Amino acid sequence: MSVRIPTPDAVRLFSARQLPEHVMQAAADADRAEEWLQIPCSLSRPAQLATRERVLADWHRADKTLAATPLRPEQATEVLS
């Protein structure tokens, strides 16, 4: 299990100003999904499993958006040697 180190608010605010709105929304969605997925789920309750699958799909969608977004757009296609 990985331990998350909290990011200072000033760093979050600076980062938020640099990213497009849909990327910030994807980051928030991924954080919410990760928190929800840490809650234990009973295998004998189909409603809980269905909700978990929906949250997992939301997490994958957000992860795909975040993975497709370069952190430094000006260097996205450069080859660094």
Protein backbone atom coordinates (compact mmCIF):
# COMPACT_ATOMS: atom_id res chain seq x y z
CA MET A 1 0.00 0.00 0.00
CA SER A 2 1.44 3.34 -1.01
CA VAL A 3 1.41 6.32 1.31
CA ARG A 4 0.34 9.61 -0.21
CA ILE A 5 2.27 12.70 0.84
CA PRO A 6 -0.05 15.71 1.07
CA THR A 7 0.64 18.49 -1.41
CA PRO A 8 0.77 22.02 0.04
CA ASP A 9 -2.18 24.23 -0.92
CA ALA A 10 0.06 26.83 -2.60
CA VAL A 11 1.49 24.18 -4.92
CA ARG A 12 -2.00 22.89 -5.77
CA LEU A 13 -3.19 26.41 -6.58
CA PHE A 14 -0.18 27.12 -8.81
CA SER A 15 -0.64 23.80 -10.63
CA ALA A 16 -4.37 24.42 -11.08
CA ARG A 17 -3.69 27.68 -12.91
CA GLN A 18 -1.41 25.92 -15.39
CA LEU A 19 -3.74 23.08 -16.41
CA PRO A 20 -6.87 23.06 -18.56
CA GLU A 21 -10.22 22.73 -16.76
CA HIS A 22 -10.93 19.21 -18.03
CA VAL A 23 -7.59 17.99 -16.68
CA MET A 24 -8.29 19.49 -13.25
CA GLN A 25 -11.71 17.82 -13.27
CA ALA A 26 -10.11 14.49 -14.19
CA ALA A 27 -7.63 14.84 -11.32
CA ALA A 28 -10.46 15.54 -8.87
CA ASP A 29 -12.46 12.59 -10.23
CA ALA A 30 -9.46 10.28 -9.88
CA ASP A 31 -8.88 11.39 -6.28
CA ARG A 32 -12.53 10.80 -5.36
CA ALA A 33 -12.52 7.39 -7.03
CA GLU A 34 -9.31 6.35 -5.23
CA GLU A 35 -10.84 7.31 -1.88
CA TRP A 36 -14.04 5.42 -2.66
CA LEU A 37 -12.20 2.32 -3.87
CA GLN A 38 -10.40 2.01 -0.53
CA ILE A 39 -13.72 1.27 1.18
CA PRO A 40 -14.20 -2.51 1.61
CA CYS A 41 -16.87 -4.04 -0.62
CA SER A 42 -19.00 -7.09 0.15
CA LEU A 43 -18.95 -9.66 -2.66
CA SER A 44 -22.41 -10.85 -1.68
CA ARG A 45 -24.05 -7.47 -2.41
CA PRO A 46 -24.60 -6.91 -6.15
CA ALA A 47 -25.51 -3.22 -5.67
CA GLN A 48 -22.15 -2.52 -4.01
CA LEU A 49 -20.30 -4.38 -6.76
CA ALA A 50 -22.15 -2.43 -9.46
CA THR A 51 -21.31 0.87 -7.77
CA ARG A 52 -17.69 -0.20 -7.41
CA GLU A 53 -17.54 -1.07 -11.12
CA ARG A 54 -18.97 2.36 -12.00
CA VAL A 55 -16.41 4.11 -9.79
CA LEU A 56 -13.64 1.99 -11.29
CA ALA A 57 -14.77 3.01 -14.79
CA ASP A 58 -14.74 6.67 -13.71
CA TRP A 59 -11.23 6.22 -12.34
CA HIS A 60 -10.01 4.65 -15.60
CA ARG A 61 -11.58 7.46 -17.63
CA ALA A 62 -9.90 10.11 -15.46
CA ASP A 63 -6.59 8.23 -15.57
CA LYS A 64 -6.73 8.11 -19.37
CA THR A 65 -7.25 11.88 -19.51
CA LEU A 66 -4.38 12.49 -17.10
CA ALA A 67 -2.06 10.12 -18.96
CA ALA A 68 -2.77 11.89 -22.25
CA THR A 69 -1.89 15.30 -20.79
CA PRO A 70 1.81 16.22 -20.88
CA LEU A 71 3.07 17.86 -17.71
CA ARG A 72 5.28 20.20 -19.73
CA PRO A 73 3.53 20.92 -23.04
CA GLU A 74 6.51 22.72 -24.56
CA GLN A 75 8.65 19.58 -24.14
CA ALA A 76 6.02 17.00 -25.01
CA THR A 77 7.54 16.07 -28.36
CA GLU A 78 11.18 16.96 -27.74
CA VAL A 79 13.84 14.30 -27.47
CA LEU A 80 15.99 15.02 -24.45
CA SER A 81 19.53 13.68 -24.67
